[in-house]
Amino acid sequence: MAGIWIFKDGGSQLSQRPKEAGRRTKLIYSPTNEVITSHEILEEKLRAHGWVRYPLNDPDLIQFHQSPSSVLLISVPRDFSKMRSMHMYDIAVKTRHVFVVRDA
């Protein structure tokens, strides 16, 4: 069975959608083991590896690209508090050996 067992008040229940309140992921800049906590820090680290902000008039997204000839594009929410693990993994996959995603 998929899910997790929750034991509470002497009983148990199988939860199909485990709560992620206690499990958060963090984007880590590998060379310095630094946790990325803002767009400013993220942009600084990406820029050091050849990524630049892509001009975009979307009120909800910020995008970065590596070079004019590259088709790689990183999209993140403009509100850093809305950054989810899918965004972090997208960054980590497109910038191998630079960023990693870890559970907090």
C-alpha atoms as a PDB file:
ATOM      1  CA  MET A   1       0.000   0.000   0.000  1.00  0.00           C
ATOM      2  CA  ALA A   2       1.219   3.482  -0.836  1.00  0.00           C
ATOM      3  CA  GLY A   3       1.175   6.210   1.783  1.00  0.00           C
ATOM      4  CA  ILE A   4       2.255   6.408   5.375  1.00  0.00           C
ATOM      5  CA  TRP A   5       0.728   5.149   8.607  1.00  0.00           C
ATOM      6  CA  ILE A   6      -0.208   7.795  11.151  1.00  0.00           C
ATOM      7  CA  PHE A   7      -0.459   6.647  14.782  1.00  0.00           C
ATOM      8  CA  LYS A   8      -2.489   8.963  16.986  1.00  0.00           C
ATOM      9  CA  ASP A   9      -4.507   8.579  20.198  1.00  0.00           C
ATOM     10  CA  GLY A  10      -4.005   4.814  20.280  1.00  0.00           C
ATOM     11  CA  GLY A  11      -5.263   4.288  16.726  1.00  0.00           C
ATOM     12  CA  SER A  12      -3.723   4.186  13.286  1.00  0.00           C
ATOM     13  CA  GLN A  13      -4.726   5.412   9.888  1.00  0.00           C
ATOM     14  CA  LEU A  14      -3.178   5.099   6.424  1.00  0.00           C
ATOM     15  CA  SER A  15      -2.628   8.517   4.898  1.00  0.00           C
ATOM     16  CA  GLN A  16      -2.490   8.684   1.099  1.00  0.00           C
ATOM     17  CA  ARG A  17      -1.103  12.221   1.093  1.00  0.00           C
ATOM     18  CA  PRO A  18       1.478  12.685   3.804  1.00  0.00           C
ATOM     19  CA  LYS A  19       1.743  16.152   5.268  1.00  0.00           C
ATOM     20  CA  GLU A  20       4.932  17.918   4.299  1.00  0.00           C
ATOM     21  CA  ALA A  21       4.856  20.412   7.141  1.00  0.00           C
ATOM     22  CA  GLY A  22       7.837  18.808   8.835  1.00  0.00           C
ATOM     23  CA  ARG A  23       9.667  18.001   5.627  1.00  0.00           C
ATOM     24  CA  ARG A  24      10.996  20.932   3.675  1.00  0.00           C
ATOM     25  CA  THR A  25      13.516  20.960   0.891  1.00  0.00           C
ATOM     26  CA  LYS A  26      16.324  23.458   0.475  1.00  0.00           C
ATOM     27  CA  LEU A  27      18.357  24.509  -2.523  1.00  0.00           C
ATOM     28  CA  ILE A  28      22.052  24.331  -1.682  1.00  0.00           C
ATOM     29  CA  TYR A  29      24.917  25.990  -3.569  1.00  0.00           C
ATOM     30  CA  SER A  30      27.409  23.107  -3.588  1.00  0.00           C
ATOM     31  CA  PRO A  31      30.768  24.957  -3.766  1.00  0.00           C
ATOM     32  CA  THR A  32      30.123  26.744  -0.436  1.00  0.00           C
ATOM     33  CA  ASN A  33      27.319  24.574   1.018  1.00  0.00           C
ATOM     34  CA  GLU A  34      25.212  27.755   1.220  1.00  0.00           C
ATOM     35  CA  VAL A  35      21.408  27.610   1.470  1.00  0.00           C
ATOM     36  CA  ILE A  36      19.700  29.779  -1.153  1.00  0.00           C
ATOM     37  CA  THR A  37      17.221  31.998   0.696  1.00  0.00           C
ATOM     38  CA  SER A  38      16.390  34.745  -1.815  1.00  0.00           C
ATOM     39  CA  HIS A  39      16.256  35.615  -5.483  1.00  0.00           C
ATOM     40  CA  GLU A  40      19.211  37.954  -5.053  1.00  0.00           C
ATOM     41  CA  ILE A  41      21.434  35.133  -3.781  1.00  0.00           C
ATOM     42  CA  LEU A  42      20.149  32.736  -6.452  1.00  0.00           C
ATOM     43  CA  GLU A  43      20.783  35.229  -9.245  1.00  0.00           C
ATOM     44  CA  GLU A  44      24.281  35.990  -7.927  1.00  0.00           C
ATOM     45  CA  LYS A  45      25.202  32.276  -7.902  1.00  0.00           C
ATOM     46  CA  LEU A  46      23.655  31.608 -11.317  1.00  0.00           C
ATOM     47  CA  ARG A  47      25.391  34.639 -12.830  1.00  0.00           C
ATOM     48  CA  ALA A  48      28.749  33.293 -11.609  1.00  0.00           C
ATOM     49  CA  HIS A  49      28.096  30.232 -13.795  1.00  0.00           C
ATOM     50  CA  GLY A  50      27.033  32.035 -16.959  1.00  0.00           C
ATOM     51  CA  TRP A  51      23.277  32.378 -16.389  1.00  0.00           C
ATOM     52  CA  VAL A  52      21.534  35.713 -16.920  1.00  0.00           C
ATOM     53  CA  ARG A  53      18.029  36.935 -16.255  1.00  0.00           C
ATOM     54  CA  TYR A  54      15.788  36.446 -19.275  1.00  0.00           C
ATOM     55  CA  PRO A  55      13.671  39.518 -20.092  1.00  0.00           C
ATOM     56  CA  LEU A  56      10.102  38.534 -19.293  1.00  0.00           C
ATOM     57  CA  ASN A  57       7.001  40.621 -18.655  1.00  0.00           C
ATOM     58  CA  ASP A  58       5.271  37.991 -16.514  1.00  0.00           C
ATOM     59  CA  PRO A  59       4.220  39.281 -13.081  1.00  0.00           C
ATOM     60  CA  ASP A  60       4.506  35.797 -11.566  1.00  0.00           C
ATOM     61  CA  LEU A  61       7.763  34.413 -13.000  1.00  0.00           C
ATOM     62  CA  ILE A  62      11.461  35.139 -13.207  1.00  0.00           C
ATOM     63  CA  GLN A  63      13.453  33.279 -15.852  1.00  0.00           C
ATOM     64  CA  PHE A  64      17.151  32.726 -16.421  1.00  0.00           C
ATOM     65  CA  HIS A  65      18.950  31.461 -19.517  1.00  0.00           C
ATOM     66  CA  GLN A  66      22.535  30.383 -20.002  1.00  0.00           C
ATOM     67  CA  SER A  67      23.465  31.902 -23.332  1.00  0.00           C
ATOM     68  CA  PRO A  68      21.796  33.030 -26.536  1.00  0.00           C
ATOM     69  CA  SER A  69      22.547  29.671 -28.152  1.00  0.00           C
ATOM     70  CA  SER A  70      21.304  27.560 -25.227  1.00  0.00           C
ATOM     71  CA  VAL A  71      17.761  26.261 -25.089  1.00  0.00           C
ATOM     72  CA  LEU A  72      17.914  25.782 -21.308  1.00  0.00           C
ATOM     73  CA  LEU A  73      15.624  28.051 -19.327  1.00  0.00           C
ATOM     74  CA  ILE A  74      15.064  28.147 -15.568  1.00  0.00           C
ATOM     75  CA  SER A  75      11.702  29.485 -14.359  1.00  0.00           C
ATOM     76  CA  VAL A  76      11.029  30.360 -10.728  1.00  0.00           C
ATOM     77  CA  PRO A  77       8.142  32.167  -9.042  1.00  0.00           C
ATOM     78  CA  ARG A  78       8.711  35.884  -8.528  1.00  0.00           C
ATOM     79  CA  ASP A  79       7.633  35.440  -4.893  1.00  0.00           C
ATOM     80  CA  PHE A  80      10.491  33.443  -3.321  1.00  0.00           C
ATOM     81  CA  SER A  81       8.171  32.042  -0.638  1.00  0.00           C
ATOM     82  CA  LYS A  82       6.342  30.172  -3.424  1.00  0.00           C
ATOM     83  CA  MET A  83       9.511  28.335  -4.492  1.00  0.00           C
ATOM     84  CA  ARG A  84       8.727  24.600  -4.374  1.00  0.00           C
ATOM     85  CA  SER A  85      10.844  21.496  -4.662  1.00  0.00           C
ATOM     86  CA  MET A  86       9.971  21.163  -8.374  1.00  0.00           C
ATOM     87  CA  HIS A  87      11.595  24.563  -9.029  1.00  0.00           C
ATOM     88  CA  MET A  88      14.639  23.595  -6.965  1.00  0.00           C
ATOM     89  CA  TYR A  89      15.064  20.281  -8.779  1.00  0.00           C
ATOM     90  CA  ASP A  90      14.748  22.082 -12.119  1.00  0.00           C
ATOM     91  CA  ILE A  91      17.637  24.348 -11.099  1.00  0.00           C
ATOM     92  CA  ALA A  92      19.717  21.432  -9.791  1.00  0.00           C
ATOM     93  CA  VAL A  93      19.239  19.366 -12.963  1.00  0.00           C
ATOM     94  CA  LYS A  94      20.138  22.247 -15.280  1.00  0.00           C
ATOM     95  CA  THR A  95      23.162  23.281 -13.219  1.00  0.00           C
ATOM     96  CA  ARG A  96      24.739  19.947 -12.331  1.00  0.00           C
ATOM     97  CA  HIS A  97      27.634  20.108  -9.887  1.00  0.00           C
ATOM     98  CA  VAL A  98      26.574  23.613  -8.799  1.00  0.00           C
ATOM     99  CA  PHE A  99      23.267  23.178  -6.952  1.00  0.00           C
ATOM    100  CA  VAL A 100      21.753  20.280  -5.027  1.00  0.00           C
ATOM    101  CA  VAL A 101      18.403  19.833  -3.311  1.00  0.00           C
ATOM    102  CA  ARG A 102      18.345  18.434   0.213  1.00  0.00           C
ATOM    103  CA  ASP A 103      15.705  17.729   2.808  1.00  0.00           C
ATOM    104  CA  ALA A 104      15.896  20.129   5.721  1.00  0.00           C
END
